[in-house]
Protein backbone atom coordinates (compact mmCIF):
# COMPACT_ATOMS: atom_id res chain seq x y z
CA MET A 1 38.66 301.23 -67.41
CA ARG A 2 35.69 300.14 -66.29
CA SER A 3 33.90 301.68 -63.07
CA MET A 4 31.88 301.03 -60.32
CA THR A 5 30.35 302.14 -57.01
CA ALA A 6 31.24 300.36 -53.62
CA LYS A 7 27.98 299.15 -53.32
CA ASP A 8 27.41 298.11 -56.72
CA ALA A 9 30.51 296.18 -56.56
CA LYS A 10 29.40 295.26 -52.76
CA TYR A 11 25.59 293.64 -54.09
CA GLY A 12 26.90 292.65 -57.30
CA PHE A 13 30.11 290.68 -56.24
CA GLY A 14 29.60 288.67 -59.18
CA ARG A 15 29.36 291.01 -61.55
CA LEU A 16 32.52 292.77 -60.50
CA ILE A 17 34.60 289.46 -60.66
CA ASP A 18 33.25 288.92 -64.37
CA LEU A 19 34.43 292.47 -65.59
CA ALA A 20 37.50 292.40 -63.82
CA ARG A 21 38.42 289.34 -65.67
CA ALA A 22 38.24 291.24 -69.19
CA GLU A 23 39.38 294.53 -67.88
CA PRO A 24 40.24 296.11 -64.42
CA VAL A 25 37.74 298.04 -62.58
CA THR A 26 37.89 300.93 -60.55
CA VAL A 27 35.55 300.96 -57.67
CA GLU A 28 35.09 304.45 -56.33
CA LYS A 29 33.54 305.50 -52.70
CA HIS A 30 31.89 308.89 -52.17
CA GLY A 31 32.74 309.66 -55.83
CA ARG A 32 36.37 308.65 -55.65
CA PRO A 33 38.55 306.29 -56.63
CA VAL A 34 39.78 303.47 -54.19
CA VAL A 35 40.77 300.34 -55.34
CA VAL A 36 41.08 298.84 -58.74
CA VAL A 37 39.96 294.90 -59.30
CA VAL A 38 42.17 292.89 -61.72
CA ALA A 39 42.25 289.43 -62.56
CA VAL A 40 44.82 287.24 -61.20
CA GLU A 41 46.54 286.73 -64.57
CA GLU A 42 46.87 290.83 -64.78
CA PHE A 43 48.17 290.75 -61.05
CA GLU A 44 50.79 288.22 -61.80
CA ARG A 45 51.84 289.96 -65.05
CA LEU A 46 52.74 293.22 -63.63
CA MET A 47 54.13 291.49 -60.43
CA SER A 48 56.70 289.97 -63.06
CA LEU A 49 57.39 293.55 -64.08
CA GLU A 50 58.26 294.58 -60.97
CA THR A 51 60.75 291.85 -60.41
CA ALA A 52 62.33 291.62 -63.49
CA PRO A 53 65.12 293.99 -62.96
CA PHE A 54 66.42 291.72 -59.96
CA ARG A 55 65.94 288.86 -62.02
CA GLU A 56 67.82 290.08 -65.34
CA GLY A 57 70.84 291.74 -62.32
CA SER A 58 71.35 288.59 -61.24
CA ALA A 59 71.34 286.79 -64.22
CA ALA A 60 74.05 289.03 -65.62
CA ARG A 61 76.20 288.75 -61.84
CA ALA A 62 75.99 285.01 -62.54
CA HIS A 63 77.62 285.12 -65.67
CA LYS A 64 80.74 286.97 -64.89
């Protein structure tokens, strides 16, 4: 995972976007990680994993 300072992220926002499309990027403030920037495709994949147990449970109930 890549990392950059908040200042570098602010002044190099285009670069942050380009990096985040390839892999998650941790943004640090005062030497501490504060956020992770990810591509929308990765975000959607993570969200689908979060909701998968609910979909599977409702599908199982529908077949009973």
